[in-house]
Amino acid sequence: MDKEIFIMACPNCGVKNRIKSFSADRLPVCAKCRTPLIDEDKNEVHAKFAKNLEDFYNLPDFGERPQN
C-alpha cells in the first residue's frame, strides 16, 4: 500500500507542508518556522487511525463470500 501524503498549511506562517505519516511520539512541525501543525491529541488520533488502517490492509484476503 502506498503511503498517502497529506498537505497541511502552517497556522503560523501559511507554508504548505507535506506530511507522509503520523506518529504518536512525533508531532508534525512546519518546515519553515517549526510550529507544530496539530496538537498532541489530534496527532495521537491520526496515528492510531493510520495503524488500524495499515493493519486492515494486512489482513488476508479469502476471496468473495458466497451469496445467500
N, C-alpha and C. Protein backbone atom coordinates (compact mmCIF):
# COMPACT_ATOMS: atom_id res chain seq x y z
N MET A 1 0.84 -1.18 0.00
CA MET A 1 0.00 0.00 0.00
C MET A 1 0.88 1.24 0.00
N ASP A 2 0.58 2.15 -0.88
CA ASP A 2 1.32 3.40 -0.91
C ASP A 2 0.87 4.30 0.22
N LYS A 3 1.83 4.96 0.83
CA LYS A 3 1.50 5.90 1.89
C LYS A 3 0.92 7.16 1.27
N GLU A 4 -0.14 7.65 1.88
CA GLU A 4 -0.72 8.89 1.41
C GLU A 4 0.08 10.06 1.97
N ILE A 5 0.13 11.11 1.20
CA ILE A 5 0.80 12.33 1.65
C ILE A 5 -0.28 13.37 1.92
N PHE A 6 -0.24 13.93 3.11
CA PHE A 6 -1.18 14.96 3.49
C PHE A 6 -0.51 16.32 3.35
N ILE A 7 -1.24 17.29 2.85
CA ILE A 7 -0.74 18.66 2.76
C ILE A 7 -1.42 19.45 3.86
N MET A 8 -0.60 20.03 4.74
CA MET A 8 -1.14 20.82 5.84
C MET A 8 -0.49 22.20 5.83
N ALA A 9 -1.32 23.22 5.86
CA ALA A 9 -0.81 24.59 5.93
C ALA A 9 -0.45 24.92 7.37
N CYS A 10 0.64 25.61 7.54
CA CYS A 10 1.08 26.03 8.87
C CYS A 10 0.14 27.13 9.38
N PRO A 11 -0.34 26.99 10.62
CA PRO A 11 -1.22 28.03 11.17
C PRO A 11 -0.47 29.33 11.47
N ASN A 12 0.85 29.27 11.55
CA ASN A 12 1.64 30.44 11.89
C ASN A 12 2.10 31.22 10.65
N CYS A 13 2.73 30.53 9.70
CA CYS A 13 3.31 31.23 8.55
C CYS A 13 2.61 30.93 7.23
N GLY A 14 1.74 29.92 7.20
CA GLY A 14 0.97 29.62 6.00
C GLY A 14 1.66 28.72 4.98
N VAL A 15 2.88 28.30 5.25
CA VAL A 15 3.60 27.42 4.32
C VAL A 15 2.90 26.06 4.28
N LYS A 16 2.77 25.50 3.07
CA LYS A 16 2.17 24.18 2.91
C LYS A 16 3.23 23.11 3.16
N ASN A 17 2.91 22.16 4.03
CA ASN A 17 3.84 21.11 4.42
C ASN A 17 3.30 19.75 3.99
N ARG A 18 4.19 18.89 3.50
CA ARG A 18 3.81 17.52 3.15
C ARG A 18 4.06 16.62 4.34
N ILE A 19 3.02 15.93 4.77
CA ILE A 19 3.12 15.01 5.90
C ILE A 19 2.92 13.60 5.35
N LYS A 20 3.94 12.75 5.48
CA LYS A 20 3.87 11.39 4.94
C LYS A 20 3.15 10.44 5.87
N SER A 21 3.34 10.60 7.16
CA SER A 21 2.68 9.71 8.12
C SER A 21 2.61 10.40 9.47
N PHE A 22 1.74 9.87 10.30
CA PHE A 22 1.59 10.40 11.65
C PHE A 22 2.14 9.38 12.63
N SER A 23 2.83 9.86 13.62
CA SER A 23 3.38 9.01 14.67
C SER A 23 2.97 9.60 16.01
N ALA A 24 2.54 8.75 16.92
CA ALA A 24 2.08 9.24 18.22
C ALA A 24 3.20 9.89 19.02
N ASP A 25 4.44 9.51 18.75
CA ASP A 25 5.54 10.07 19.53
C ASP A 25 6.22 11.26 18.86
N ARG A 26 5.82 11.61 17.63
CA ARG A 26 6.42 12.76 16.94
C ARG A 26 5.33 13.65 16.37
N LEU A 27 5.36 14.91 16.74
CA LEU A 27 4.40 15.88 16.21
C LEU A 27 4.91 16.44 14.88
N PRO A 28 4.04 16.56 13.89
CA PRO A 28 4.48 17.21 12.66
C PRO A 28 4.66 18.71 12.90
N VAL A 29 5.77 19.24 12.41
CA VAL A 29 6.05 20.67 12.58
C VAL A 29 6.29 21.29 11.21
N CYS A 30 6.12 22.59 11.15
CA CYS A 30 6.33 23.34 9.91
C CYS A 30 7.80 23.29 9.53
N ALA A 31 8.05 23.08 8.25
CA ALA A 31 9.43 23.01 7.76
C ALA A 31 10.12 24.38 7.81
N LYS A 32 9.34 25.44 7.80
CA LYS A 32 9.93 26.78 7.78
C LYS A 32 10.11 27.36 9.19
N CYS A 33 9.02 27.38 9.97
CA CYS A 33 9.09 28.07 11.27
C CYS A 33 9.07 27.12 12.47
N ARG A 34 8.95 25.81 12.22
CA ARG A 34 8.98 24.77 13.26
C ARG A 34 7.79 24.83 14.22
N THR A 35 6.70 25.47 13.84
CA THR A 35 5.49 25.49 14.65
C THR A 35 4.77 24.15 14.51
N PRO A 36 4.29 23.56 15.61
CA PRO A 36 3.52 22.31 15.49
C PRO A 36 2.29 22.53 14.61
N LEU A 37 2.05 21.59 13.70
CA LEU A 37 0.93 21.73 12.77
C LEU A 37 -0.40 21.29 13.38
N ILE A 38 -0.36 20.34 14.32
CA ILE A 38 -1.56 19.92 15.03
C ILE A 38 -1.20 19.68 16.49
N ASP A 39 -2.21 19.66 17.35
CA ASP A 39 -1.92 19.42 18.76
C ASP A 39 -1.72 17.92 19.03
N GLU A 40 -1.25 17.61 20.22
CA GLU A 40 -0.88 16.23 20.55
C GLU A 40 -2.06 15.27 20.49
N ASP A 41 -3.23 15.70 20.95
CA ASP A 41 -4.40 14.82 20.96
C ASP A 41 -4.80 14.41 19.54
N LYS A 42 -4.83 15.37 18.64
CA LYS A 42 -5.19 15.06 17.25
C LYS A 42 -4.13 14.18 16.60
N ASN A 43 -2.87 14.42 16.92
CA ASN A 43 -1.79 13.61 16.36
C ASN A 43 -1.92 12.16 16.80
N GLU A 44 -2.27 11.94 18.05
CA GLU A 44 -2.43 10.57 18.56
C GLU A 44 -3.59 9.87 17.85
N VAL A 45 -4.67 10.58 17.63
CA VAL A 45 -5.83 10.01 16.93
C VAL A 45 -5.44 9.63 15.50
N HIS A 46 -4.74 10.52 14.81
CA HIS A 46 -4.31 10.23 13.44
C HIS A 46 -3.37 9.03 13.39
N ALA A 47 -2.47 8.94 14.36
CA ALA A 47 -1.52 7.83 14.40
C ALA A 47 -2.25 6.50 14.62
N LYS A 48 -3.22 6.49 15.52
CA LYS A 48 -3.98 5.26 15.78
C LYS A 48 -4.79 4.86 14.54
N PHE A 49 -5.39 5.84 13.89
CA PHE A 49 -6.16 5.55 12.68
C PHE A 49 -5.27 4.97 11.59
N ALA A 50 -4.10 5.57 11.39
CA ALA A 50 -3.17 5.08 10.36
C ALA A 50 -2.72 3.66 10.67
N LYS A 51 -2.46 3.35 11.94
CA LYS A 51 -2.05 2.00 12.30
C LYS A 51 -3.19 1.01 12.07
N ASN A 52 -4.41 1.38 12.47
CA ASN A 52 -5.55 0.49 12.24
C ASN A 52 -5.79 0.26 10.76
N LEU A 53 -5.63 1.30 9.97
CA LEU A 53 -5.81 1.17 8.53
C LEU A 53 -4.75 0.25 7.93
N GLU A 54 -3.52 0.39 8.39
CA GLU A 54 -2.44 -0.48 7.91
C GLU A 54 -2.70 -1.93 8.31
N ASP A 55 -3.17 -2.14 9.55
CA ASP A 55 -3.49 -3.50 9.99
C ASP A 55 -4.62 -4.09 9.15
N PHE A 56 -5.60 -3.27 8.80
CA PHE A 56 -6.71 -3.73 7.98
C PHE A 56 -6.22 -4.19 6.61
N TYR A 57 -5.33 -3.43 6.00
CA TYR A 57 -4.81 -3.80 4.68
C TYR A 57 -3.92 -5.04 4.73
N ASN A 58 -3.41 -5.37 5.90
CA ASN A 58 -2.56 -6.55 6.04
C ASN A 58 -3.35 -7.82 6.33
N LEU A 59 -4.68 -7.72 6.46
CA LEU A 59 -5.49 -8.91 6.69
C LEU A 59 -5.48 -9.79 5.44
N PRO A 60 -5.52 -11.10 5.62
CA PRO A 60 -5.54 -11.98 4.45
C PRO A 60 -6.86 -11.85 3.70
N ASP A 61 -6.81 -12.02 2.40
CA ASP A 61 -7.99 -11.96 1.56
C ASP A 61 -8.41 -13.39 1.23
N PHE A 62 -9.60 -13.77 1.66
CA PHE A 62 -10.08 -15.13 1.43
C PHE A 62 -11.02 -15.21 0.23
N GLY A 63 -11.06 -14.19 -0.57
CA GLY A 63 -11.91 -14.21 -1.75
C GLY A 63 -13.32 -13.73 -1.45
N GLU A 64 -14.19 -13.93 -2.41
CA GLU A 64 -15.56 -13.47 -2.27
C GLU A 64 -16.34 -14.36 -1.32
N ARG A 65 -17.28 -13.76 -0.65
CA ARG A 65 -18.16 -14.52 0.22
C ARG A 65 -19.32 -15.06 -0.61
N PRO A 66 -19.83 -16.22 -0.25
CA PRO A 66 -20.95 -16.79 -1.02
C PRO A 66 -22.20 -15.93 -0.88
N GLN A 67 -22.97 -15.86 -1.94
CA GLN A 67 -24.23 -15.11 -1.94
C GLN A 67 -25.30 -15.94 -1.25
N ASN A 68 -26.12 -15.32 -0.44
CA ASN A 68 -27.23 -16.02 0.23
C ASN A 68 -28.48 -15.94 -0.60
